Amino acid sequence: MLVKPKKGRSVPDPNRGDLLPEKGRNVEVNAYWYRREAAGDIEKISRKGDKNDRKL
């Protein structure tokens, strides 16, 4: 999952032991990153050409 911090936020990356860079980073999908997203600390970045074409 590619994520970046929202403007003005400093978000620690527990797997690397540093802060998430402003341009974003590919991180392992886990509960930590879902909690950061729910708290409004990060946003997911979709790559060019990525489409959610899954049909339910």
PDB file of N, CA and C in Angstrom:
ATOM      1  N   MET A   1       0.867  -1.159   0.000  1.00  0.00           N
ATOM      2  CA  MET A   1       0.000   0.000   0.000  1.00  0.00           C
ATOM      3  C   MET A   1       0.915   1.223   0.000  1.00  0.00           C
ATOM      4  N   LEU A   2       0.659   2.151  -0.882  1.00  0.00           N
ATOM      5  CA  LEU A   2       1.447   3.373  -0.983  1.00  0.00           C
ATOM      6  C   LEU A   2       0.725   4.472  -0.218  1.00  0.00           C
ATOM      7  N   VAL A   3       1.403   5.037   0.778  1.00  0.00           N
ATOM      8  CA  VAL A   3       0.791   6.063   1.626  1.00  0.00           C
ATOM      9  C   VAL A   3       1.721   7.257   1.781  1.00  0.00           C
ATOM     10  N   LYS A   4       1.123   8.411   2.101  1.00  0.00           N
ATOM     11  CA  LYS A   4       1.914   9.590   2.417  1.00  0.00           C
ATOM     12  C   LYS A   4       1.221  10.334   3.551  1.00  0.00           C
ATOM     13  N   PRO A   5       1.992  11.081   4.343  1.00  0.00           N
ATOM     14  CA  PRO A   5       1.364  11.827   5.436  1.00  0.00           C
ATOM     15  C   PRO A   5       0.563  13.002   4.901  1.00  0.00           C
ATOM     16  N   LYS A   6      -0.512  13.335   5.584  1.00  0.00           N
ATOM     17  CA  LYS A   6      -1.270  14.518   5.204  1.00  0.00           C
ATOM     18  C   LYS A   6      -0.446  15.743   5.558  1.00  0.00           C
ATOM     19  N   LYS A   7      -0.718  16.844   4.894  1.00  0.00           N
ATOM     20  CA  LYS A   7       0.055  18.061   5.067  1.00  0.00           C
ATOM     21  C   LYS A   7       0.116  18.470   6.544  1.00  0.00           C
ATOM     22  N   GLY A   8       1.329  18.733   7.015  1.00  0.00           N
ATOM     23  CA  GLY A   8       1.537  19.176   8.386  1.00  0.00           C
ATOM     24  C   GLY A   8       1.639  18.051   9.404  1.00  0.00           C
ATOM     25  N   ARG A   9       1.605  16.814   8.961  1.00  0.00           N
ATOM     26  CA  ARG A   9       1.672  15.678   9.880  1.00  0.00           C
ATOM     27  C   ARG A   9       3.031  14.993   9.797  1.00  0.00           C
ATOM     28  N   SER A  10       3.512  14.529  10.933  1.00  0.00           N
ATOM     29  CA  SER A  10       4.701  13.680  11.012  1.00  0.00           C
ATOM     30  C   SER A  10       4.236  12.319  11.491  1.00  0.00           C
ATOM     31  N   VAL A  11       4.425  11.311  10.663  1.00  0.00           N
ATOM     32  CA  VAL A  11       3.918   9.973  10.979  1.00  0.00           C
ATOM     33  C   VAL A  11       5.084   8.996  11.067  1.00  0.00           C
ATOM     34  N   PRO A  12       5.281   8.376  12.236  1.00  0.00           N
ATOM     35  CA  PRO A  12       6.361   7.392  12.357  1.00  0.00           C
ATOM     36  C   PRO A  12       6.056   6.118  11.582  1.00  0.00           C
ATOM     37  N   ASP A  13       7.100   5.534  11.017  1.00  0.00           N
ATOM     38  CA  ASP A  13       6.999   4.238  10.348  1.00  0.00           C
ATOM     39  C   ASP A  13       7.672   3.220  11.272  1.00  0.00           C
ATOM     40  N   PRO A  14       6.885   2.416  11.985  1.00  0.00           N
ATOM     41  CA  PRO A  14       7.468   1.512  12.975  1.00  0.00           C
ATOM     42  C   PRO A  14       8.369   0.422  12.378  1.00  0.00           C
ATOM     43  N   ASN A  15       8.157   0.059  11.127  1.00  0.00           N
ATOM     44  CA  ASN A  15       8.993  -0.977  10.509  1.00  0.00           C
ATOM     45  C   ASN A  15      10.382  -0.465  10.164  1.00  0.00           C
ATOM     46  N   ARG A  16      10.492   0.808   9.860  1.00  0.00           N
ATOM     47  CA  ARG A  16      11.786   1.372   9.487  1.00  0.00           C
ATOM     48  C   ARG A  16      12.417   2.200  10.593  1.00  0.00           C
ATOM     49  N   GLY A  17      11.627   2.606  11.568  1.00  0.00           N
ATOM     50  CA  GLY A  17      12.169   3.380  12.683  1.00  0.00           C
ATOM     51  C   GLY A  17      12.415   4.834  12.351  1.00  0.00           C
ATOM     52  N   ASP A  18      11.758   5.349  11.317  1.00  0.00           N
ATOM     53  CA  ASP A  18      11.900   6.758  10.959  1.00  0.00           C
ATOM     54  C   ASP A  18      10.523   7.329  10.636  1.00  0.00           C
ATOM     55  N   LEU A  19      10.510   8.558  10.146  1.00  0.00           N
ATOM     56  CA  LEU A  19       9.244   9.188   9.775  1.00  0.00           C
ATOM     57  C   LEU A  19       8.912   8.886   8.324  1.00  0.00           C
ATOM     58  N   LEU A  20       7.642   8.817   8.044  1.00  0.00           N
ATOM     59  CA  LEU A  20       7.158   8.622   6.686  1.00  0.00           C
ATOM     60  C   LEU A  20       7.521   9.861   5.868  1.00  0.00           C
ATOM     61  N   PRO A  21       8.210   9.708   4.727  1.00  0.00           N
ATOM     62  CA  PRO A  21       8.592  10.878   3.935  1.00  0.00           C
ATOM     63  C   PRO A  21       7.374  11.568   3.316  1.00  0.00           C
ATOM     64  N   GLU A  22       7.511  12.863   3.052  1.00  0.00           N
ATOM     65  CA  GLU A  22       6.403  13.646   2.486  1.00  0.00           C
ATOM     66  C   GLU A  22       5.927  13.109   1.146  1.00  0.00           C
ATOM     67  N   LYS A  23       6.849  12.575   0.347  1.00  0.00           N
ATOM     68  CA  LYS A  23       6.464  12.049  -0.967  1.00  0.00           C
ATOM     69  C   LYS A  23       5.772  10.703  -0.871  1.00  0.00           C
ATOM     70  N   GLY A  24       5.835  10.060   0.300  1.00  0.00           N
ATOM     71  CA  GLY A  24       5.156   8.785   0.505  1.00  0.00           C
ATOM     72  C   GLY A  24       6.108   7.607   0.456  1.00  0.00           C
ATOM     73  N   ARG A  25       5.558   6.445   0.793  1.00  0.00           N
ATOM     74  CA  ARG A  25       6.356   5.215   0.822  1.00  0.00           C
ATOM     75  C   ARG A  25       5.413   4.031   0.697  1.00  0.00           C
ATOM     76  N   ASN A  26       5.924   2.973   0.101  1.00  0.00           N
ATOM     77  CA  ASN A  26       5.181   1.730   0.022  1.00  0.00           C
ATOM     78  C   ASN A  26       5.370   1.001   1.353  1.00  0.00           C
ATOM     79  N   VAL A  27       4.267   0.710   2.039  1.00  0.00           N
ATOM     80  CA  VAL A  27       4.339   0.065   3.351  1.00  0.00           C
ATOM     81  C   VAL A  27       3.537  -1.233   3.342  1.00  0.00           C
ATOM     82  N   GLU A  28       3.845  -2.086   4.300  1.00  0.00           N
ATOM     83  CA  GLU A  28       3.126  -3.338   4.459  1.00  0.00           C
ATOM     84  C   GLU A  28       1.724  -3.048   4.994  1.00  0.00           C
ATOM     85  N   VAL A  29       0.734  -3.666   4.405  1.00  0.00           N
ATOM     86  CA  VAL A  29      -0.647  -3.463   4.842  1.00  0.00           C
ATOM     87  C   VAL A  29      -0.833  -4.133   6.200  1.00  0.00           C
ATOM     88  N   ASN A  30      -1.201  -3.329   7.204  1.00  0.00           N
ATOM     89  CA  ASN A  30      -1.496  -3.884   8.525  1.00  0.00           C
ATOM     90  C   ASN A  30      -2.384  -2.912   9.299  1.00  0.00           C
ATOM     91  N   ALA A  31      -2.760  -3.300  10.492  1.00  0.00           N
ATOM     92  CA  ALA A  31      -3.697  -2.519  11.298  1.00  0.00           C
ATOM     93  C   ALA A  31      -3.145  -1.137  11.636  1.00  0.00           C
ATOM     94  N   TYR A  32      -1.821  -1.019  11.802  1.00  0.00           N
ATOM     95  CA  TYR A  32      -1.224   0.274  12.142  1.00  0.00           C
ATOM     96  C   TYR A  32      -1.574   1.330  11.092  1.00  0.00           C
ATOM     97  N   TRP A  33      -1.385   0.987   9.827  1.00  0.00           N
ATOM     98  CA  TRP A  33      -1.644   1.959   8.763  1.00  0.00           C
ATOM     99  C   TRP A  33      -3.127   2.236   8.593  1.00  0.00           C
ATOM    100  N   TYR A  34      -3.988   1.255   8.833  1.00  0.00           N
ATOM    101  CA  TYR A  34      -5.428   1.506   8.800  1.00  0.00           C
ATOM    102  C   TYR A  34      -5.837   2.455   9.931  1.00  0.00           C
ATOM    103  N   ARG A  35      -5.212   2.314  11.107  1.00  0.00           N
ATOM    104  CA  ARG A  35      -5.504   3.238  12.219  1.00  0.00           C
ATOM    105  C   ARG A  35      -5.031   4.644  11.889  1.00  0.00           C
ATOM    106  N   ARG A  36      -3.866   4.770  11.264  1.00  0.00           N
ATOM    107  CA  ARG A  36      -3.351   6.102  10.882  1.00  0.00           C
ATOM    108  C   ARG A  36      -4.283   6.751   9.860  1.00  0.00           C
ATOM    109  N   GLU A  37      -4.820   5.950   8.940  1.00  0.00           N
ATOM    110  CA  GLU A  37      -5.746   6.484   7.947  1.00  0.00           C
ATOM    111  C   GLU A  37      -7.053   6.924   8.622  1.00  0.00           C
ATOM    112  N   ALA A  38      -7.559   6.112   9.538  1.00  0.00           N
ATOM    113  CA  ALA A  38      -8.799   6.445  10.245  1.00  0.00           C
ATOM    114  C   ALA A  38      -8.621   7.699  11.105  1.00  0.00           C
ATOM    115  N   ALA A  39      -7.417   7.908  11.625  1.00  0.00           N
ATOM    116  CA  ALA A  39      -7.135   9.077  12.457  1.00  0.00           C
ATOM    117  C   ALA A  39      -6.905  10.328  11.615  1.00  0.00           C
ATOM    118  N   GLY A  40      -6.783  10.164  10.291  1.00  0.00           N
ATOM    119  CA  GLY A  40      -6.569  11.311   9.414  1.00  0.00           C
ATOM    120  C   GLY A  40      -5.116  11.729   9.295  1.00  0.00           C
ATOM    121  N   ASP A  41      -4.183  10.835   9.668  1.00  0.00           N
ATOM    122  CA  ASP A  41      -2.751  11.154   9.608  1.00  0.00           C
ATOM    123  C   ASP A  41      -2.140  10.906   8.234  1.00  0.00           C
ATOM    124  N   ILE A  42      -2.708   9.965   7.480  1.00  0.00           N
ATOM    125  CA  ILE A  42      -2.144   9.604   6.177  1.00  0.00           C
ATOM    126  C   ILE A  42      -3.242   9.542   5.133  1.00  0.00           C
ATOM    127  N   GLU A  43      -2.808   9.475   3.884  1.00  0.00           N
ATOM    128  CA  GLU A  43      -3.730   9.217   2.789  1.00  0.00           C
ATOM    129  C   GLU A  43      -3.092   8.197   1.862  1.00  0.00           C
ATOM    130  N   LYS A  44      -3.926   7.348   1.279  1.00  0.00           N
ATOM    131  CA  LYS A  44      -3.445   6.369   0.314  1.00  0.00           C
ATOM    132  C   LYS A  44      -3.196   7.075  -1.007  1.00  0.00           C
ATOM    133  N   ILE A  45      -2.161   6.639  -1.694  1.00  0.00           N
ATOM    134  CA  ILE A  45      -1.829   7.186  -3.004  1.00  0.00           C
ATOM    135  C   ILE A  45      -2.101   6.089  -4.027  1.00  0.00           C
ATOM    136  N   SER A  46      -2.890   6.408  -5.036  1.00  0.00           N
ATOM    137  CA  SER A  46      -3.087   5.430  -6.101  1.00  0.00           C
ATOM    138  C   SER A  46      -2.104   5.754  -7.213  1.00  0.00           C
ATOM    139  N   ARG A  47      -1.521   4.731  -7.755  1.00  0.00           N
ATOM    140  CA  ARG A  47      -0.554   4.918  -8.836  1.00  0.00           C
ATOM    141  C   ARG A  47      -1.286   5.158 -10.136  1.00  0.00           C
ATOM    142  N   LYS A  48      -0.632   5.825 -11.061  1.00  0.00           N
ATOM    143  CA  LYS A  48      -1.235   6.063 -12.364  1.00  0.00           C
ATOM    144  C   LYS A  48      -1.602   4.742 -13.006  1.00  0.00           C
ATOM    145  N   GLY A  49      -2.794   4.679 -13.526  1.00  0.00           N
ATOM    146  CA  GLY A  49      -3.232   3.478 -14.203  1.00  0.00           C
ATOM    147  C   GLY A  49      -3.906   2.473 -13.287  1.00  0.00           C
ATOM    148  N   ASP A  50      -3.762   2.631 -11.965  1.00  0.00           N
ATOM    149  CA  ASP A  50      -4.445   1.722 -11.043  1.00  0.00           C
ATOM    150  C   ASP A  50      -5.932   2.038 -11.055  1.00  0.00           C
ATOM    151  N   LYS A  51      -6.708   1.016 -11.259  1.00  0.00           N
ATOM    152  CA  LYS A  51      -8.152   1.192 -11.233  1.00  0.00           C
ATOM    153  C   LYS A  51      -8.747   0.081 -10.381  1.00  0.00           C
ATOM    154  N   ASN A  52      -9.771   0.435  -9.681  1.00  0.00           N
ATOM    155  CA  ASN A  52     -10.469  -0.574  -8.902  1.00  0.00           C
ATOM    156  C   ASN A  52     -11.623  -1.085  -9.749  1.00  0.00           C
ATOM    157  N   ASP A  53     -11.336  -2.062 -10.567  1.00  0.00           N
ATOM    158  CA  ASP A  53     -12.330  -2.599 -11.487  1.00  0.00           C
ATOM    159  C   ASP A  53     -12.984  -3.874 -10.957  1.00  0.00           C
ATOM    160  N   ARG A  54     -12.753  -4.163  -9.692  1.00  0.00           N
ATOM    161  CA  ARG A  54     -13.356  -5.372  -9.125  1.00  0.00           C
ATOM    162  C   ARG A  54     -14.868  -5.216  -9.073  1.00  0.00           C
ATOM    163  N   LYS A  55     -15.539  -6.262  -9.424  1.00  0.00           N
ATOM    164  CA  LYS A  55     -16.996  -6.253  -9.360  1.00  0.00           C
ATOM    165  C   LYS A  55     -17.425  -7.181  -8.240  1.00  0.00           C
ATOM    166  N   LEU A  56     -18.384  -6.736  -7.492  1.00  0.00           N
ATOM    167  CA  LEU A  56     -18.854  -7.544  -6.354  1.00  0.00           C
ATOM    168  C   LEU A  56     -19.872  -8.545  -6.786  1.00  0.00           C
TER     169      LEU A  56
END
